[in-house]
All heavy atoms as atom14 arrays in JSON, in Angstrom:
{
  "sequence": "AAAFEGGMILLAAVVITIRTIDILLHKSAPTVGRLDLGI",
  "atom14_mask": [
    [1, 1, 1, 1, 1, 0, 0, 0, 0, 0, 0, 0, 0, 0],
    [1, 1, 1, 1, 1, 0, 0, 0, 0, 0, 0, 0, 0, 0],
    [1, 1, 1, 1, 1, 0, 0, 0, 0, 0, 0, 0, 0, 0],
    [1, 1, 1, 1, 1, 1, 1, 1, 1, 1, 1, 0, 0, 0],
    [1, 1, 1, 1, 1, 1, 1, 1, 1, 0, 0, 0, 0, 0],
    [1, 1, 1, 1, 0, 0, 0, 0, 0, 0, 0, 0, 0, 0],
    [1, 1, 1, 1, 0, 0, 0, 0, 0, 0, 0, 0, 0, 0],
    [1, 1, 1, 1, 1, 1, 1, 1, 0, 0, 0, 0, 0, 0],
    [1, 1, 1, 1, 1, 1, 1, 1, 0, 0, 0, 0, 0, 0],
    [1, 1, 1, 1, 1, 1, 1, 1, 0, 0, 0, 0, 0, 0],
    [1, 1, 1, 1, 1, 1, 1, 1, 0, 0, 0, 0, 0, 0],
    [1, 1, 1, 1, 1, 0, 0, 0, 0, 0, 0, 0, 0, 0],
    [1, 1, 1, 1, 1, 0, 0, 0, 0, 0, 0, 0, 0, 0],
    [1, 1, 1, 1, 1, 1, 1, 0, 0, 0, 0, 0, 0, 0],
    [1, 1, 1, 1, 1, 1, 1, 0, 0, 0, 0, 0, 0, 0],
    [1, 1, 1, 1, 1, 1, 1, 1, 0, 0, 0, 0, 0, 0],
    [1, 1, 1, 1, 1, 1, 1, 0, 0, 0, 0, 0, 0, 0],
    [1, 1, 1, 1, 1, 1, 1, 1, 0, 0, 0, 0, 0, 0],
    [1, 1, 1, 1, 1, 1, 1, 1, 1, 1, 1, 0, 0, 0],
    [1, 1, 1, 1, 1, 1, 1, 0, 0, 0, 0, 0, 0, 0],
    [1, 1, 1, 1, 1, 1, 1, 1, 0, 0, 0, 0, 0, 0],
    [1, 1, 1, 1, 1, 1, 1, 1, 0, 0, 0, 0, 0, 0],
    [1, 1, 1, 1, 1, 1, 1, 1, 0, 0, 0, 0, 0, 0],
    [1, 1, 1, 1, 1, 1, 1, 1, 0, 0, 0, 0, 0, 0],
    [1, 1, 1, 1, 1, 1, 1, 1, 0, 0, 0, 0, 0, 0],
    [1, 1, 1, 1, 1, 1, 1, 1, 1, 1, 0, 0, 0, 0],
    [1, 1, 1, 1, 1, 1, 1, 1, 1, 0, 0, 0, 0, 0],
    [1, 1, 1, 1, 1, 1, 0, 0, 0, 0, 0, 0, 0, 0],
    [1, 1, 1, 1, 1, 0, 0, 0, 0, 0, 0, 0, 0, 0],
    [1, 1, 1, 1, 1, 1, 1, 0, 0, 0, 0, 0, 0, 0],
    [1, 1, 1, 1, 1, 1, 1, 0, 0, 0, 0, 0, 0, 0],
    [1, 1, 1, 1, 1, 1, 1, 0, 0, 0, 0, 0, 0, 0],
    [1, 1, 1, 1, 0, 0, 0, 0, 0, 0, 0, 0, 0, 0],
    [1, 1, 1, 1, 1, 1, 1, 1, 1, 1, 1, 0, 0, 0],
    [1, 1, 1, 1, 1, 1, 1, 1, 0, 0, 0, 0, 0, 0],
    [1, 1, 1, 1, 1, 1, 1, 1, 0, 0, 0, 0, 0, 0],
    [1, 1, 1, 1, 1, 1, 1, 1, 0, 0, 0, 0, 0, 0],
    [1, 1, 1, 1, 0, 0, 0, 0, 0, 0, 0, 0, 0, 0],
    [1, 1, 1, 1, 1, 1, 1, 1, 0, 0, 0, 0, 0, 0]
  ],
  "atom14_positions": [
    [[-19.16, -13.12, 8.16], [-18.5, -11.83, 8.38], [-17.0, -12.01, 8.6], [-16.2, -11.23, 8.07], [-19.12, -11.12, 9.59], [0.0, 0.0, 0.0], [0.0, 0.0, 0.0], [0.0, 0.0, 0.0], [0.0, 0.0, 0.0], [0.0, 0.0, 0.0], [0.0, 0.0, 0.0], [0.0, 0.0, 0.0], [0.0, 0.0, 0.0], [0.0, 0.0, 0.0]],
    [[-16.62, -13.02, 9.36], [-15.19, -13.28, 9.6], [-14.5, -13.65, 8.28], [-13.38, -13.19, 8.01], [-15.02, -14.4, 10.63], [0.0, 0.0, 0.0], [0.0, 0.0, 0.0], [0.0, 0.0, 0.0], [0.0, 0.0, 0.0], [0.0, 0.0, 0.0], [0.0, 0.0, 0.0], [0.0, 0.0, 0.0], [0.0, 0.0, 0.0], [0.0, 0.0, 0.0]],
    [[-15.16, -14.45, 7.46], [-14.58, -14.82, 6.15], [-14.48, -13.59, 5.24], [-13.48, -13.42, 4.54], [-15.44, -15.89, 5.48], [0.0, 0.0, 0.0], [0.0, 0.0, 0.0], [0.0, 0.0, 0.0], [0.0, 0.0, 0.0], [0.0, 0.0, 0.0], [0.0, 0.0, 0.0], [0.0, 0.0, 0.0], [0.0, 0.0, 0.0], [0.0, 0.0, 0.0]],
    [[-15.49, -12.75, 5.27], [-15.46, -11.53, 4.46], [-14.3, -10.64, 4.87], [-13.59, -10.09, 4.02], [-16.79, -10.76, 4.6], [-16.8, -9.45, 3.88], [-17.03, -9.41, 2.5], [-16.58, -8.26, 4.55], [-17.04, -8.2, 1.83], [-16.6, -7.05, 3.88], [-16.82, -7.02, 2.51], [0.0, 0.0, 0.0], [0.0, 0.0, 0.0], [0.0, 0.0, 0.0]],
    [[-14.09, -10.51, 6.17], [-12.99, -9.69, 6.65], [-11.65, -10.23, 6.16], [-10.79, -9.47, 5.72], [-13.0, -9.61, 8.18], [-12.0, -8.63, 8.72], [-12.33, -8.11, 10.1], [-13.39, -8.43, 10.63], [-11.5, -7.36, 10.62], [0.0, 0.0, 0.0], [0.0, 0.0, 0.0], [0.0, 0.0, 0.0], [0.0, 0.0, 0.0], [0.0, 0.0, 0.0]],
    [[-11.47, -11.53, 6.2], [-10.25, -12.14, 5.67], [-10.07, -11.86, 4.19], [-8.97, -11.55, 3.73], [0.0, 0.0, 0.0], [0.0, 0.0, 0.0], [0.0, 0.0, 0.0], [0.0, 0.0, 0.0], [0.0, 0.0, 0.0], [0.0, 0.0, 0.0], [0.0, 0.0, 0.0], [0.0, 0.0, 0.0], [0.0, 0.0, 0.0], [0.0, 0.0, 0.0]],
    [[-11.15, -11.94, 3.44], [-11.09, -11.64, 2.0], [-10.74, -10.2, 1.73], [-9.97, -9.9, 0.8], [0.0, 0.0, 0.0], [0.0, 0.0, 0.0], [0.0, 0.0, 0.0], [0.0, 0.0, 0.0], [0.0, 0.0, 0.0], [0.0, 0.0, 0.0], [0.0, 0.0, 0.0], [0.0, 0.0, 0.0], [0.0, 0.0, 0.0], [0.0, 0.0, 0.0]],
    [[-11.28, -9.29, 2.52], [-10.96, -7.86, 2.35], [-9.49, -7.58, 2.66], [-8.86, -6.77, 2.0], [-11.87, -7.01, 3.25], [-13.32, -6.99, 2.82], [-13.58, -6.28, 1.19], [-13.04, -4.61, 1.45], [0.0, 0.0, 0.0], [0.0, 0.0, 0.0], [0.0, 0.0, 0.0], [0.0, 0.0, 0.0], [0.0, 0.0, 0.0], [0.0, 0.0, 0.0]],
    [[-8.95, -8.25, 3.66], [-7.53, -8.08, 3.98], [-6.68, -8.57, 2.81], [-5.7, -7.92, 2.42], [-7.17, -8.83, 5.29], [-7.87, -8.16, 6.48], [-5.66, -8.87, 5.5], [-7.82, -8.97, 7.76], [0.0, 0.0, 0.0], [0.0, 0.0, 0.0], [0.0, 0.0, 0.0], [0.0, 0.0, 0.0], [0.0, 0.0, 0.0], [0.0, 0.0, 0.0]],
    [[-7.07, -9.69, 2.23], [-6.35, -10.22, 1.06], [-6.42, -9.25, -0.11], [-5.41, -8.98, -0.77], [-6.92, -11.59, 0.67], [-6.24, -12.28, -0.51], [-4.78, -12.56, -0.21], [-6.98, -13.57, -0.84], [0.0, 0.0, 0.0], [0.0, 0.0, 0.0], [0.0, 0.0, 0.0], [0.0, 0.0, 0.0], [0.0, 0.0, 0.0], [0.0, 0.0, 0.0]],
    [[-7.59, -8.69, -0.37], [-7.76, -7.72, -1.45], [-6.88, -6.49, -1.21], [-6.22, -6.0, -2.14], [-9.23, -7.32, -1.58], [-9.54, -6.27, -2.66], [-9.2, -6.82, -4.05], [-11.01, -5.87, -2.58], [0.0, 0.0, 0.0], [0.0, 0.0, 0.0], [0.0, 0.0, 0.0], [0.0, 0.0, 0.0], [0.0, 0.0, 0.0], [0.0, 0.0, 0.0]],
    [[-6.85, -5.99, 0.01], [-6.0, -4.84, 0.33], [-4.53, -5.18, 0.08], [-3.78, -4.35, -0.44], [-6.21, -4.4, 1.78], [0.0, 0.0, 0.0], [0.0, 0.0, 0.0], [0.0, 0.0, 0.0], [0.0, 0.0, 0.0], [0.0, 0.0, 0.0], [0.0, 0.0, 0.0], [0.0, 0.0, 0.0], [0.0, 0.0, 0.0], [0.0, 0.0, 0.0]],
    [[-4.13, -6.38, 0.44], [-2.73, -6.8, 0.22], [-2.4, -6.8, -1.27], [-1.31, -6.38, -1.66], [-2.5, -8.18, 0.82], [0.0, 0.0, 0.0], [0.0, 0.0, 0.0], [0.0, 0.0, 0.0], [0.0, 0.0, 0.0], [0.0, 0.0, 0.0], [0.0, 0.0, 0.0], [0.0, 0.0, 0.0], [0.0, 0.0, 0.0], [0.0, 0.0, 0.0]],
    [[-3.33, -7.25, -2.1], [-3.1, -7.26, -3.54], [-2.95, -5.84, -4.08], [-2.03, -5.54, -4.84], [-4.24, -8.02, -4.28], [-4.18, -7.8, -5.78], [-4.19, -9.5, -3.93], [0.0, 0.0, 0.0], [0.0, 0.0, 0.0], [0.0, 0.0, 0.0], [0.0, 0.0, 0.0], [0.0, 0.0, 0.0], [0.0, 0.0, 0.0], [0.0, 0.0, 0.0]],
    [[-3.84, -4.94, -3.66], [-3.78, -3.54, -4.12], [-2.47, -2.89, -3.67], [-1.8, -2.2, -4.44], [-5.0, -2.74, -3.61], [-4.83, -1.25, -3.85], [-6.27, -3.25, -4.26], [0.0, 0.0, 0.0], [0.0, 0.0, 0.0], [0.0, 0.0, 0.0], [0.0, 0.0, 0.0], [0.0, 0.0, 0.0], [0.0, 0.0, 0.0], [0.0, 0.0, 0.0]],
    [[-2.07, -3.13, -2.44], [-0.83, -2.56, -1.9], [0.37, -3.12, -2.67], [1.29, -2.37, -3.01], [-0.72, -2.83, -0.38], [-1.77, -1.99, 0.36], [0.68, -2.56, 0.13], [-2.0, -2.43, 1.79], [0.0, 0.0, 0.0], [0.0, 0.0, 0.0], [0.0, 0.0, 0.0], [0.0, 0.0, 0.0], [0.0, 0.0, 0.0], [0.0, 0.0, 0.0]],
    [[0.36, -4.41, -2.97], [1.45, -5.02, -3.72], [1.55, -4.42, -5.12], [2.66, -4.1, -5.59], [1.25, -6.55, -3.8], [1.21, -7.07, -2.48], [2.36, -7.21, -4.59], [0.0, 0.0, 0.0], [0.0, 0.0, 0.0], [0.0, 0.0, 0.0], [0.0, 0.0, 0.0], [0.0, 0.0, 0.0], [0.0, 0.0, 0.0], [0.0, 0.0, 0.0]],
    [[0.42, -4.25, -5.79], [0.42, -3.65, -7.13], [0.98, -2.23, -7.08], [1.81, -1.84, -7.91], [-1.0, -3.67, -7.74], [-1.39, -5.12, -8.07], [-1.1, -2.79, -8.97], [-2.86, -5.3, -8.41], [0.0, 0.0, 0.0], [0.0, 0.0, 0.0], [0.0, 0.0, 0.0], [0.0, 0.0, 0.0], [0.0, 0.0, 0.0], [0.0, 0.0, 0.0]],
    [[0.57, -1.45, -6.08], [1.06, -0.07, -5.94], [2.57, -0.07, -5.69], [3.31, 0.73, -6.26], [0.32, 0.63, -4.81], [0.88, 1.97, -4.4], [0.43, 3.08, -5.33], [0.84, 4.36, -4.75], [1.48, 5.29, -5.42], [1.75, 5.14, -6.68], [1.84, 6.41, -4.84], [0.0, 0.0, 0.0], [0.0, 0.0, 0.0], [0.0, 0.0, 0.0]],
    [[3.03, -0.98, -4.87], [4.47, -1.06, -4.56], [5.27, -1.44, -5.8], [6.32, -0.84, -6.07], [4.71, -2.09, -3.43], [3.94, -1.69, -2.3], [6.17, -2.15, -3.06], [0.0, 0.0, 0.0], [0.0, 0.0, 0.0], [0.0, 0.0, 0.0], [0.0, 0.0, 0.0], [0.0, 0.0, 0.0], [0.0, 0.0, 0.0], [0.0, 0.0, 0.0]],
    [[4.8, -2.4, -6.55], [5.49, -2.81, -7.77], [5.54, -1.66, -8.76], [6.58, -1.4, -9.39], [4.83, -4.07, -8.39], [5.1, -5.27, -7.49], [5.34, -4.32, -9.81], [4.3, -6.51, -7.85], [0.0, 0.0, 0.0], [0.0, 0.0, 0.0], [0.0, 0.0, 0.0], [0.0, 0.0, 0.0], [0.0, 0.0, 0.0], [0.0, 0.0, 0.0]],
    [[4.44, -0.93, -8.88], [4.39, 0.23, -9.77], [5.44, 1.26, -9.37], [6.16, 1.8, -10.22], [2.99, 0.84, -9.76], [2.88, 2.03, -10.69], [3.23, 1.9, -11.88], [2.45, 3.11, -10.22], [0.0, 0.0, 0.0], [0.0, 0.0, 0.0], [0.0, 0.0, 0.0], [0.0, 0.0, 0.0], [0.0, 0.0, 0.0], [0.0, 0.0, 0.0]],
    [[5.56, 1.53, -8.09], [6.54, 2.51, -7.61], [7.96, 2.01, -7.89], [8.81, 2.77, -8.35], [6.35, 2.78, -6.1], [5.08, 3.62, -5.89], [7.56, 3.5, -5.5], [4.68, 3.77, -4.44], [0.0, 0.0, 0.0], [0.0, 0.0, 0.0], [0.0, 0.0, 0.0], [0.0, 0.0, 0.0], [0.0, 0.0, 0.0], [0.0, 0.0, 0.0]],
    [[8.21, 0.71, -7.64], [9.56, 0.17, -7.86], [9.94, 0.16, -9.34], [11.07, 0.49, -9.69], [9.65, -1.25, -7.29], [9.63, -1.36, -5.77], [9.55, -2.82, -5.35], [10.85, -0.7, -5.16], [0.0, 0.0, 0.0], [0.0, 0.0, 0.0], [0.0, 0.0, 0.0], [0.0, 0.0, 0.0], [0.0, 0.0, 0.0], [0.0, 0.0, 0.0]],
    [[9.01, -0.21, -10.2], [9.31, -0.28, -11.63], [9.43, 1.08, -12.29], [10.25, 1.27, -13.18], [8.24, -1.11, -12.35], [8.19, -2.59, -12.03], [7.06, -3.28, -12.77], [9.53, -3.26, -12.36], [0.0, 0.0, 0.0], [0.0, 0.0, 0.0], [0.0, 0.0, 0.0], [0.0, 0.0, 0.0], [0.0, 0.0, 0.0], [0.0, 0.0, 0.0]],
    [[8.64, 2.01, -11.86], [8.65, 3.33, -12.49], [9.4, 4.39, -11.68], [9.43, 5.54, -12.06], [7.21, 3.8, -12.75], [6.49, 2.89, -13.69], [5.6, 1.94, -13.26], [6.56, 2.77, -15.04], [5.12, 1.28, -14.3], [5.7, 1.75, -15.4], [0.0, 0.0, 0.0], [0.0, 0.0, 0.0], [0.0, 0.0, 0.0], [0.0, 0.0, 0.0]],
    [[9.96, 3.96, -10.57], [10.72, 4.86, -9.71], [9.96, 6.17, -9.5], [10.53, 7.26, -9.57], [12.11, 5.11, -10.27], [12.91, 3.85, -10.35], [14.31, 4.11, -10.82], [14.95, 2.84, -11.14], [15.9, 2.2, -10.7], [0.0, 0.0, 0.0], [0.0, 0.0, 0.0], [0.0, 0.0, 0.0], [0.0, 0.0, 0.0], [0.0, 0.0, 0.0]],
    [[8.66, 6.03, -9.24], [7.81, 7.2, -9.08], [7.49, 7.5, -7.62], [6.49, 8.13, -7.33], [6.51, 7.0, -9.86], [5.79, 5.91, -9.33], [0.0, 0.0, 0.0], [0.0, 0.0, 0.0], [0.0, 0.0, 0.0], [0.0, 0.0, 0.0], [0.0, 0.0, 0.0], [0.0, 0.0, 0.0], [0.0, 0.0, 0.0], [0.0, 0.0, 0.0]],
    [[8.33, 7.02, -6.74], [8.08, 7.26, -5.32], [8.16, 8.75, -5.04], [9.11, 9.42, -5.44], [9.08, 6.5, -4.46], [0.0, 0.0, 0.0], [0.0, 0.0, 0.0], [0.0, 0.0, 0.0], [0.0, 0.0, 0.0], [0.0, 0.0, 0.0], [0.0, 0.0, 0.0], [0.0, 0.0, 0.0], [0.0, 0.0, 0.0], [0.0, 0.0, 0.0]],
    [[7.15, 9.27, -4.36], [7.17, 10.71, -4.05], [8.23, 11.04, -3.0], [8.67, 10.18, -2.25], [5.77, 10.96, -3.51], [5.3, 9.64, -3.02], [5.98, 8.6, -3.85], [0.0, 0.0, 0.0], [0.0, 0.0, 0.0], [0.0, 0.0, 0.0], [0.0, 0.0, 0.0], [0.0, 0.0, 0.0], [0.0, 0.0, 0.0], [0.0, 0.0, 0.0]],
    [[8.63, 12.27, -2.98], [9.55, 12.75, -1.95], [8.79, 12.8, -0.63], [7.69, 13.31, -0.55], [10.07, 14.16, -2.3], [10.67, 14.1, -3.59], [11.06, 14.64, -1.29], [0.0, 0.0, 0.0], [0.0, 0.0, 0.0], [0.0, 0.0, 0.0], [0.0, 0.0, 0.0], [0.0, 0.0, 0.0], [0.0, 0.0, 0.0], [0.0, 0.0, 0.0]],
    [[9.41, 12.24, 0.39], [8.76, 12.2, 1.7], [9.09, 13.48, 2.46], [10.24, 13.9, 2.5], [9.21, 10.95, 2.49], [8.6, 10.94, 3.87], [8.85, 9.69, 1.73], [0.0, 0.0, 0.0], [0.0, 0.0, 0.0], [0.0, 0.0, 0.0], [0.0, 0.0, 0.0], [0.0, 0.0, 0.0], [0.0, 0.0, 0.0], [0.0, 0.0, 0.0]],
    [[8.06, 14.07, 3.04], [8.25, 15.29, 3.83], [7.48, 15.23, 5.13], [6.66, 14.34, 5.33], [0.0, 0.0, 0.0], [0.0, 0.0, 0.0], [0.0, 0.0, 0.0], [0.0, 0.0, 0.0], [0.0, 0.0, 0.0], [0.0, 0.0, 0.0], [0.0, 0.0, 0.0], [0.0, 0.0, 0.0], [0.0, 0.0, 0.0], [0.0, 0.0, 0.0]],
    [[7.73, 16.13, 6.03], [7.05, 16.25, 7.33], [6.96, 14.93, 8.08], [5.89, 14.52, 8.53], [5.66, 16.84, 7.15], [5.56, 18.28, 6.74], [6.19, 19.31, 7.69], [5.99, 19.11, 9.1], [5.08, 19.74, 9.83], [4.31, 20.62, 9.29], [4.99, 19.52, 11.12], [0.0, 0.0, 0.0], [0.0, 0.0, 0.0], [0.0, 0.0, 0.0]],
    [[8.1, 14.27, 8.21], [8.12, 12.99, 8.91], [7.71, 13.13, 10.37], [7.09, 12.22, 10.92], [9.51, 12.36, 8.83], [9.85, 11.74, 7.49], [11.27, 11.19, 7.51], [8.87, 10.65, 7.12], [0.0, 0.0, 0.0], [0.0, 0.0, 0.0], [0.0, 0.0, 0.0], [0.0, 0.0, 0.0], [0.0, 0.0, 0.0], [0.0, 0.0, 0.0]],
    [[8.02, 14.24, 11.01], [7.66, 14.42, 12.41], [6.16, 14.32, 12.62], [5.67, 13.58, 13.46], [8.21, 15.74, 12.95], [7.77, 16.95, 12.12], [7.36, 16.78, 10.94], [7.82, 18.08, 12.64], [0.0, 0.0, 0.0], [0.0, 0.0, 0.0], [0.0, 0.0, 0.0], [0.0, 0.0, 0.0], [0.0, 0.0, 0.0], [0.0, 0.0, 0.0]],
    [[5.4, 15.05, 11.81], [3.94, 15.03, 11.91], [3.39, 13.67, 11.47], [2.47, 13.13, 12.1], [3.33, 16.16, 11.08], [1.82, 16.32, 11.13], [1.33, 16.48, 12.56], [1.4, 17.5, 10.28], [0.0, 0.0, 0.0], [0.0, 0.0, 0.0], [0.0, 0.0, 0.0], [0.0, 0.0, 0.0], [0.0, 0.0, 0.0], [0.0, 0.0, 0.0]],
    [[3.95, 13.11, 10.41], [3.51, 11.8, 9.94], [3.7, 10.71, 10.99], [2.81, 9.89, 11.21], [0.0, 0.0, 0.0], [0.0, 0.0, 0.0], [0.0, 0.0, 0.0], [0.0, 0.0, 0.0], [0.0, 0.0, 0.0], [0.0, 0.0, 0.0], [0.0, 0.0, 0.0], [0.0, 0.0, 0.0], [0.0, 0.0, 0.0], [0.0, 0.0, 0.0]],
    [[4.86, 10.72, 11.65], [5.12, 9.73, 12.7], [4.17, 9.92, 13.87], [3.66, 8.94, 14.43], [6.6, 9.81, 13.16], [7.49, 9.25, 12.04], [6.82, 9.04, 14.46], [8.98, 9.46, 12.28], [0.0, 0.0, 0.0], [0.0, 0.0, 0.0], [0.0, 0.0, 0.0], [0.0, 0.0, 0.0], [0.0, 0.0, 0.0], [0.0, 0.0, 0.0]]
  ]
}
């Protein structure tokens, strides 16, 4: 279970990295709104 959790964290990091690269390359970052509620 501990090893599985580590693997899931690694998988999430890969997905997040891919999403970030996509946003940087395509400049498709959405406009951020309602920061007060988000924070």
